Amino acid sequence: MTVLYVDADACPVKDEAVRVGERHGTPIKFVSNSWMRLPEGDLIERVVVAEGPDEADNWIAERAGKGDVVITADVPLAARCVKTGALVLSHTGKPFREDAIGMRLAMRDLNTHLRETGEIRESGPAFGKADRSRFLNQLETIMRAAKRIAEEG
């Protein structure tokens, strides 16, 4: 059965994930380092992990696999989940794919370096309505694909 994992600490599309997950009858696990207000529902589970860097990422990566869906903006977590066969989507609706994950990791590392040296200051464009719409469309598509993969076994 497909499970929808949400890296919830800084996720701006929690309500959208619930809407699509519930429509598909998929269990939704919101994973974070602290308690947060979440929508209520029979399919929703709040998972609070220990404080510390990468604890939520580790929890998700240890469980997500083929036929599951992961929502995260964290590129290293996405790489780990793609490797296990999970379908991974950023909150802006951009899928993480196996054939491009190496480049995404390299760009993340380069941007981190440039921010640390002061070459760039901003972290990217603000999250907007177009991102939310793209996310909803892509999540719907990915959920259908994940359910087919899970049924194949």
N, C-alpha and C. Protein backbone atom coordinates (compact mmCIF):
# COMPACT_ATOMS: atom_id res chain seq x y z
N MET A 1 0.84 -1.19 0.00
CA MET A 1 0.00 0.00 0.00
C MET A 1 0.88 1.25 0.00
N THR A 2 0.51 2.20 -0.78
CA THR A 2 1.23 3.47 -0.86
C THR A 2 1.06 4.26 0.44
N VAL A 3 2.17 4.85 0.90
CA VAL A 3 2.16 5.75 2.05
C VAL A 3 2.71 7.09 1.57
N LEU A 4 2.10 8.18 2.01
CA LEU A 4 2.56 9.52 1.69
C LEU A 4 3.30 10.07 2.90
N TYR A 5 4.61 10.29 2.75
CA TYR A 5 5.45 10.84 3.81
C TYR A 5 5.68 12.31 3.53
N VAL A 6 5.47 13.15 4.54
CA VAL A 6 5.67 14.59 4.39
C VAL A 6 6.74 15.04 5.38
N ASP A 7 7.83 15.58 4.84
CA ASP A 7 8.87 16.21 5.66
C ASP A 7 8.27 17.54 6.11
N ALA A 8 7.66 17.55 7.29
CA ALA A 8 6.69 18.59 7.65
C ALA A 8 7.25 19.86 8.26
N ASP A 9 8.49 19.87 8.73
CA ASP A 9 8.98 21.02 9.48
C ASP A 9 8.80 22.36 8.77
N ALA A 10 9.09 22.45 7.52
CA ALA A 10 8.97 23.72 6.81
C ALA A 10 8.11 23.57 5.55
N CYS A 11 7.19 22.63 5.57
CA CYS A 11 6.39 22.34 4.38
C CYS A 11 5.18 23.28 4.28
N PRO A 12 5.09 24.05 3.19
CA PRO A 12 3.97 24.98 3.03
C PRO A 12 2.73 24.36 2.36
N VAL A 13 2.78 23.07 2.06
CA VAL A 13 1.66 22.45 1.31
C VAL A 13 1.04 21.28 2.09
N LYS A 14 0.97 21.40 3.40
CA LYS A 14 0.40 20.32 4.22
C LYS A 14 -1.07 20.08 3.88
N ASP A 15 -1.86 21.15 3.79
CA ASP A 15 -3.28 20.99 3.50
C ASP A 15 -3.50 20.35 2.13
N GLU A 16 -2.69 20.74 1.16
CA GLU A 16 -2.81 20.17 -0.18
C GLU A 16 -2.45 18.68 -0.18
N ALA A 17 -1.42 18.32 0.59
CA ALA A 17 -1.02 16.92 0.69
C ALA A 17 -2.16 16.09 1.29
N VAL A 18 -2.81 16.63 2.31
CA VAL A 18 -3.94 15.94 2.93
C VAL A 18 -5.08 15.77 1.93
N ARG A 19 -5.39 16.83 1.21
CA ARG A 19 -6.49 16.77 0.26
C ARG A 19 -6.27 15.66 -0.78
N VAL A 20 -5.08 15.61 -1.34
CA VAL A 20 -4.80 14.59 -2.38
C VAL A 20 -4.67 13.21 -1.74
N GLY A 21 -3.97 13.11 -0.61
CA GLY A 21 -3.82 11.82 0.06
C GLY A 21 -5.15 11.22 0.45
N GLU A 22 -6.04 12.01 1.01
CA GLU A 22 -7.36 11.51 1.41
C GLU A 22 -8.19 11.09 0.20
N ARG A 23 -8.08 11.84 -0.88
CA ARG A 23 -8.82 11.49 -2.10
C ARG A 23 -8.40 10.11 -2.60
N HIS A 24 -7.14 9.75 -2.38
CA HIS A 24 -6.63 8.45 -2.82
C HIS A 24 -6.70 7.39 -1.72
N GLY A 25 -7.18 7.75 -0.53
CA GLY A 25 -7.27 6.79 0.56
C GLY A 25 -5.91 6.32 1.05
N THR A 26 -4.94 7.22 0.99
CA THR A 26 -3.55 6.90 1.32
C THR A 26 -3.19 7.38 2.73
N PRO A 27 -2.56 6.51 3.54
CA PRO A 27 -2.08 6.99 4.85
C PRO A 27 -1.05 8.11 4.65
N ILE A 28 -1.15 9.13 5.49
CA ILE A 28 -0.27 10.30 5.39
C ILE A 28 0.48 10.44 6.71
N LYS A 29 1.81 10.45 6.63
CA LYS A 29 2.64 10.57 7.83
C LYS A 29 3.40 11.90 7.76
N PHE A 30 3.05 12.80 8.66
CA PHE A 30 3.73 14.08 8.79
C PHE A 30 4.85 13.90 9.80
N VAL A 31 6.10 14.07 9.36
CA VAL A 31 7.25 13.81 10.22
C VAL A 31 7.94 15.14 10.52
N SER A 32 8.17 15.41 11.82
CA SER A 32 8.79 16.67 12.21
C SER A 32 9.57 16.49 13.52
N ASN A 33 10.35 17.50 13.87
CA ASN A 33 11.12 17.48 15.11
C ASN A 33 10.34 18.03 16.30
N SER A 34 9.18 18.60 16.05
CA SER A 34 8.37 19.15 17.14
C SER A 34 6.89 19.03 16.78
N TRP A 35 6.05 19.14 17.81
CA TRP A 35 4.62 19.08 17.61
C TRP A 35 4.17 20.28 16.78
N MET A 36 3.24 20.05 15.88
CA MET A 36 2.67 21.16 15.11
C MET A 36 1.20 20.87 14.86
N ARG A 37 0.47 21.94 14.64
CA ARG A 37 -0.95 21.80 14.33
C ARG A 37 -1.07 21.24 12.91
N LEU A 38 -1.86 20.18 12.80
CA LEU A 38 -2.08 19.55 11.50
C LEU A 38 -3.57 19.32 11.30
N PRO A 39 -3.98 19.15 10.06
CA PRO A 39 -5.37 18.78 9.82
C PRO A 39 -5.66 17.44 10.51
N GLU A 40 -6.88 17.23 10.92
CA GLU A 40 -7.28 15.97 11.55
C GLU A 40 -7.87 15.05 10.49
N GLY A 41 -7.71 13.75 10.70
CA GLY A 41 -8.31 12.79 9.79
C GLY A 41 -7.87 11.39 10.13
N ASP A 42 -8.66 10.41 9.71
CA ASP A 42 -8.36 9.01 10.00
C ASP A 42 -7.08 8.54 9.33
N LEU A 43 -6.69 9.14 8.22
CA LEU A 43 -5.51 8.71 7.47
C LEU A 43 -4.25 9.46 7.89
N ILE A 44 -4.38 10.44 8.78
CA ILE A 44 -3.26 11.31 9.12
C ILE A 44 -2.59 10.84 10.41
N GLU A 45 -1.26 10.71 10.34
CA GLU A 45 -0.48 10.37 11.52
C GLU A 45 0.61 11.41 11.72
N ARG A 46 0.72 11.91 12.94
CA ARG A 46 1.77 12.86 13.29
C ARG A 46 2.91 12.06 13.90
N VAL A 47 4.12 12.21 13.34
CA VAL A 47 5.30 11.53 13.87
C VAL A 47 6.27 12.61 14.31
N VAL A 48 6.53 12.66 15.62
CA VAL A 48 7.49 13.62 16.17
C VAL A 48 8.74 12.83 16.55
N VAL A 49 9.84 13.16 15.91
CA VAL A 49 11.11 12.47 16.15
C VAL A 49 11.96 13.28 17.13
N ALA A 50 13.05 12.68 17.57
CA ALA A 50 13.96 13.37 18.49
C ALA A 50 14.52 14.63 17.85
N GLU A 51 14.84 15.61 18.70
CA GLU A 51 15.48 16.83 18.20
C GLU A 51 16.85 16.48 17.65
N GLY A 52 17.26 17.19 16.64
CA GLY A 52 18.58 16.97 16.09
C GLY A 52 18.55 17.02 14.58
N PRO A 53 19.69 17.35 14.01
CA PRO A 53 19.75 17.45 12.56
C PRO A 53 19.50 16.09 11.91
N ASP A 54 18.70 16.09 10.90
CA ASP A 54 18.43 14.92 10.06
C ASP A 54 17.63 13.82 10.73
N GLU A 55 17.10 14.02 11.94
CA GLU A 55 16.31 12.96 12.58
C GLU A 55 15.04 12.66 11.79
N ALA A 56 14.33 13.71 11.37
CA ALA A 56 13.12 13.50 10.57
C ALA A 56 13.49 12.87 9.22
N ASP A 57 14.56 13.35 8.61
CA ASP A 57 15.01 12.80 7.33
C ASP A 57 15.32 11.31 7.47
N ASN A 58 16.05 10.96 8.53
CA ASN A 58 16.41 9.56 8.74
C ASN A 58 15.18 8.69 8.93
N TRP A 59 14.20 9.18 9.68
CA TRP A 59 12.98 8.42 9.92
C TRP A 59 12.28 8.13 8.60
N ILE A 60 12.16 9.15 7.77
CA ILE A 60 11.49 8.97 6.47
C ILE A 60 12.30 8.04 5.58
N ALA A 61 13.59 8.29 5.45
CA ALA A 61 14.44 7.50 4.55
C ALA A 61 14.48 6.03 4.94
N GLU A 62 14.37 5.73 6.22
CA GLU A 62 14.40 4.34 6.68
C GLU A 62 13.11 3.60 6.37
N ARG A 63 12.03 4.32 6.05
CA ARG A 63 10.73 3.69 5.85
C ARG A 63 10.19 3.80 4.43
N ALA A 64 10.49 4.87 3.74
CA ALA A 64 9.95 5.08 2.39
C ALA A 64 10.59 4.11 1.41
N GLY A 65 9.79 3.57 0.53
CA GLY A 65 10.30 2.63 -0.45
C GLY A 65 9.46 2.63 -1.71
N LYS A 66 9.63 1.61 -2.48
CA LYS A 66 8.95 1.48 -3.77
C LYS A 66 7.44 1.56 -3.58
N GLY A 67 6.82 2.44 -4.35
CA GLY A 67 5.38 2.63 -4.26
C GLY A 67 4.94 3.69 -3.27
N ASP A 68 5.89 4.29 -2.55
CA ASP A 68 5.56 5.37 -1.62
C ASP A 68 5.85 6.72 -2.26
N VAL A 69 5.31 7.77 -1.65
CA VAL A 69 5.52 9.14 -2.11
C VAL A 69 6.10 9.94 -0.95
N VAL A 70 7.12 10.74 -1.24
CA VAL A 70 7.75 11.59 -0.24
C VAL A 70 7.69 13.04 -0.71
N ILE A 71 7.27 13.93 0.18
CA ILE A 71 7.27 15.36 -0.11
C ILE A 71 8.34 16.00 0.75
N THR A 72 9.32 16.61 0.09
CA THR A 72 10.41 17.27 0.81
C THR A 72 11.08 18.30 -0.08
N ALA A 73 11.69 19.29 0.55
CA ALA A 73 12.53 20.24 -0.16
C ALA A 73 14.00 19.91 0.07
N ASP A 74 14.26 18.91 0.90
CA ASP A 74 15.61 18.53 1.29
C ASP A 74 16.22 17.61 0.22
N VAL A 75 17.20 18.10 -0.50
CA VAL A 75 17.78 17.35 -1.62
C VAL A 75 18.47 16.06 -1.17
N PRO A 76 19.28 16.08 -0.09
CA PRO A 76 19.87 14.80 0.34
C PRO A 76 18.82 13.76 0.74
N LEU A 77 17.75 14.18 1.41
CA LEU A 77 16.67 13.25 1.74
C LEU A 77 16.03 12.72 0.45
N ALA A 78 15.78 13.61 -0.48
CA ALA A 78 15.19 13.19 -1.76
C ALA A 78 16.07 12.15 -2.43
N ALA A 79 17.38 12.36 -2.43
CA ALA A 79 18.31 11.41 -3.07
C ALA A 79 18.22 10.05 -2.39
N ARG A 80 18.16 10.03 -1.08
CA ARG A 80 18.06 8.76 -0.35
C ARG A 80 16.76 8.03 -0.69
N CYS A 81 15.66 8.77 -0.79
CA CYS A 81 14.37 8.15 -1.05
C CYS A 81 14.24 7.70 -2.50
N VAL A 82 14.76 8.48 -3.42
CA VAL A 82 14.75 8.07 -4.83
C VAL A 82 15.50 6.76 -4.98
N LYS A 83 16.59 6.63 -4.26
CA LYS A 83 17.41 5.42 -4.32
C LYS A 83 16.62 4.18 -3.88
N THR A 84 15.67 4.34 -2.96
CA THR A 84 14.87 3.21 -2.49
C THR A 84 13.68 2.91 -3.40
N GLY A 85 13.46 3.76 -4.38
CA GLY A 85 12.34 3.55 -5.30
C GLY A 85 11.12 4.38 -5.01
N ALA A 86 11.17 5.22 -3.98
CA ALA A 86 10.04 6.11 -3.68
C ALA A 86 9.97 7.20 -4.73
N LEU A 87 8.77 7.73 -4.94
CA LEU A 87 8.57 8.88 -5.82
C LEU A 87 8.63 10.11 -4.94
N VAL A 88 9.45 11.09 -5.33
CA VAL A 88 9.72 12.24 -4.47
C VAL A 88 9.37 13.53 -5.19
N LEU A 89 8.69 14.42 -4.45
CA LEU A 89 8.22 15.68 -5.01
C LEU A 89 8.57 16.82 -4.06
N SER A 90 9.05 17.93 -4.60
CA SER A 90 9.29 19.12 -3.76
C SER A 90 7.97 19.85 -3.55
N HIS A 91 7.94 20.74 -2.59
CA HIS A 91 6.72 21.49 -2.31
C HIS A 91 6.36 22.47 -3.44
N THR A 92 7.30 22.70 -4.36
CA THR A 92 7.00 23.56 -5.52
C THR A 92 6.49 22.75 -6.70
N GLY A 93 6.37 21.44 -6.52
CA GLY A 93 5.84 20.60 -7.58
C GLY A 93 6.89 20.04 -8.53
N LYS A 94 8.15 20.22 -8.19
CA LYS A 94 9.21 19.69 -9.04
C LYS A 94 9.59 18.30 -8.54
N PRO A 95 9.45 17.29 -9.41
CA PRO A 95 9.82 15.93 -8.98
C PRO A 95 11.33 15.76 -8.92
N PHE A 96 11.76 14.94 -8.00
CA PHE A 96 13.16 14.53 -7.93
C PHE A 96 13.25 13.21 -8.67
N ARG A 97 14.10 13.15 -9.70
CA ARG A 97 14.22 11.93 -10.50
C ARG A 97 15.63 11.38 -10.38
N GLU A 98 15.72 10.07 -10.53
CA GLU A 98 17.01 9.40 -10.40
C GLU A 98 18.04 9.94 -11.39
N ASP A 99 17.60 10.25 -12.62
CA ASP A 99 18.54 10.70 -13.64
C ASP A 99 19.02 12.13 -13.44
N ALA A 100 18.42 12.87 -12.50
CA ALA A 100 18.82 14.26 -12.29
C ALA A 100 19.22 14.56 -10.85
N ILE A 101 19.13 13.58 -9.97
CA ILE A 101 19.38 13.85 -8.55
C ILE A 101 20.82 14.26 -8.30
N GLY A 102 21.77 13.70 -9.05
CA GLY A 102 23.18 14.08 -8.87
C GLY A 102 23.40 15.55 -9.15
N MET A 103 22.78 16.06 -10.20
CA MET A 103 22.90 17.48 -10.53
C MET A 103 22.23 18.34 -9.47
N ARG A 104 21.09 17.91 -8.93
CA ARG A 104 20.40 18.68 -7.89
C ARG A 104 21.26 18.75 -6.63
N LEU A 105 21.93 17.63 -6.29
CA LEU A 105 22.82 17.64 -5.13
C LEU A 105 24.01 18.58 -5.36
N ALA A 106 24.57 18.54 -6.56
CA ALA A 106 25.71 19.41 -6.87
C ALA A 106 25.30 20.88 -6.81
N MET A 107 24.13 21.22 -7.35
CA MET A 107 23.65 22.61 -7.32
C MET A 107 23.38 23.06 -5.89
N ARG A 108 22.83 22.17 -5.08
CA ARG A 108 22.59 22.49 -3.67
C ARG A 108 23.91 22.80 -2.97
N ASP A 109 24.91 21.97 -3.20
CA ASP A 109 26.21 22.18 -2.57
C ASP A 109 26.85 23.49 -3.05
N LEU A 110 26.74 23.76 -4.34
CA LEU A 110 27.30 24.99 -4.88
C LEU A 110 26.60 26.21 -4.28
N ASN A 111 25.29 26.20 -4.23
CA ASN A 111 24.55 27.34 -3.66
C ASN A 111 24.86 27.52 -2.17
N THR A 112 25.00 26.42 -1.45
CA THR A 112 25.38 26.51 -0.03
C THR A 112 26.74 27.19 0.10
N HIS A 113 27.68 26.77 -0.72
CA HIS A 113 29.02 27.37 -0.69
C HIS A 113 28.97 28.87 -1.03
N LEU A 114 28.20 29.22 -2.05
CA LEU A 114 28.10 30.63 -2.46
C LEU A 114 27.45 31.49 -1.37
N ARG A 115 26.45 30.94 -0.67
CA ARG A 115 25.83 31.67 0.45
C ARG A 115 26.83 31.84 1.59
N GLU A 116 27.59 30.77 1.89
CA GLU A 116 28.56 30.84 2.99
C GLU A 116 29.67 31.85 2.72
N THR A 117 30.05 32.01 1.46
CA THR A 117 31.11 32.96 1.11
C THR A 117 30.58 34.36 0.84
N GLY A 118 29.27 34.53 0.90
CA GLY A 118 28.67 35.84 0.68
C GLY A 118 28.46 36.21 -0.77
N GLU A 119 28.71 35.30 -1.68
CA GLU A 119 28.53 35.58 -3.11
C GLU A 119 27.05 35.77 -3.47
N ILE A 120 26.18 35.02 -2.81
CA ILE A 120 24.74 35.20 -2.98
C ILE A 120 24.12 35.32 -1.60
N ARG A 121 23.01 36.04 -1.52
CA ARG A 121 22.37 36.25 -0.22
C ARG A 121 20.99 35.64 -0.15
N GLU A 122 20.25 35.65 -1.22
CA GLU A 122 18.90 35.12 -1.18
C GLU A 122 18.93 33.61 -1.34
N SER A 123 17.87 32.98 -0.87
CA SER A 123 17.82 31.52 -0.93
C SER A 123 16.96 31.04 -2.10
N GLY A 124 16.42 31.92 -2.87
CA GLY A 124 15.60 31.53 -4.02
C GLY A 124 14.31 32.31 -4.04
N PRO A 125 13.52 32.08 -5.07
CA PRO A 125 12.26 32.83 -5.19
C PRO A 125 11.26 32.43 -4.11
N ALA A 126 10.36 33.35 -3.78
CA ALA A 126 9.33 33.08 -2.78
C ALA A 126 8.34 32.05 -3.31
N PHE A 127 7.74 31.31 -2.39
CA PHE A 127 6.73 30.32 -2.74
C PHE A 127 5.45 31.05 -3.13
N GLY A 128 4.88 30.71 -4.27
CA GLY A 128 3.71 31.44 -4.76
C GLY A 128 2.56 30.55 -5.20
N LYS A 129 1.52 31.19 -5.71
CA LYS A 129 0.32 30.47 -6.15
C LYS A 129 0.63 29.48 -7.27
N ALA A 130 1.52 29.86 -8.17
CA ALA A 130 1.87 28.95 -9.28
C ALA A 130 2.55 27.69 -8.74
N ASP A 131 3.39 27.86 -7.71
CA ASP A 131 4.04 26.70 -7.09
C ASP A 131 3.01 25.77 -6.45
N ARG A 132 2.05 26.36 -5.75
CA ARG A 132 1.00 25.57 -5.09
C ARG A 132 0.17 24.80 -6.12
N SER A 133 -0.16 25.45 -7.21
CA SER A 133 -0.94 24.81 -8.27
C SER A 133 -0.13 23.69 -8.94
N ARG A 134 1.14 23.96 -9.22
CA ARG A 134 2.01 22.94 -9.83
C ARG A 134 2.13 21.75 -8.89
N PHE A 135 2.27 22.03 -7.59
CA PHE A 135 2.38 20.96 -6.60
C PHE A 135 1.15 20.07 -6.64
N LEU A 136 -0.03 20.67 -6.60
CA LEU A 136 -1.27 19.88 -6.61
C LEU A 136 -1.36 19.00 -7.84
N ASN A 137 -1.06 19.56 -9.01
CA ASN A 137 -1.12 18.78 -10.25
C ASN A 137 -0.12 17.64 -10.24
N GLN A 138 1.11 17.93 -9.84
CA GLN A 138 2.15 16.91 -9.83
C GLN A 138 1.88 15.84 -8.77
N LEU A 139 1.40 16.23 -7.61
CA LEU A 139 1.11 15.24 -6.57
C LEU A 139 0.02 14.29 -7.03
N GLU A 140 -0.98 14.80 -7.68
CA GLU A 140 -2.05 13.93 -8.21
C GLU A 140 -1.46 12.90 -9.19
N THR A 141 -0.61 13.36 -10.09
CA THR A 141 0.02 12.48 -11.07
C THR A 141 0.91 11.45 -10.39
N ILE A 142 1.72 11.89 -9.44
CA ILE A 142 2.64 10.99 -8.74
C ILE A 142 1.89 9.99 -7.87
N MET A 143 0.80 10.40 -7.25
CA MET A 143 0.02 9.47 -6.43
C MET A 143 -0.54 8.34 -7.29
N ARG A 144 -1.04 8.67 -8.46
CA ARG A 144 -1.55 7.63 -9.37
C ARG A 144 -0.43 6.67 -9.75
N ALA A 145 0.73 7.21 -10.09
CA ALA A 145 1.87 6.36 -10.47
C ALA A 145 2.31 5.48 -9.31
N ALA A 146 2.36 6.04 -8.11
CA ALA A 146 2.79 5.28 -6.93
C ALA A 146 1.82 4.14 -6.65
N LYS A 147 0.54 4.39 -6.77
CA LYS A 147 -0.44 3.34 -6.52
C LYS A 147 -0.30 2.20 -7.53
N ARG A 148 -0.01 2.54 -8.79
CA ARG A 148 0.23 1.49 -9.81
C ARG A 148 1.47 0.67 -9.44
N ILE A 149 2.53 1.35 -9.02
CA ILE A 149 3.77 0.66 -8.64
C ILE A 149 3.51 -0.25 -7.42
N ALA A 150 2.77 0.25 -6.43
CA ALA A 150 2.50 -0.54 -5.23
C ALA A 150 1.65 -1.77 -5.57
N GLU A 151 0.71 -1.63 -6.49
CA GLU A 151 -0.14 -2.76 -6.89
C GLU A 151 0.66 -3.83 -7.62
N GLU A 152 1.68 -3.41 -8.38
CA GLU A 152 2.51 -4.36 -9.10
C GLU A 152 3.38 -5.18 -8.14
N GLY A 153 3.61 -4.63 -6.96
CA GLY A 153 4.31 -5.36 -5.93
C GLY A 153 5.73 -5.17 -5.87
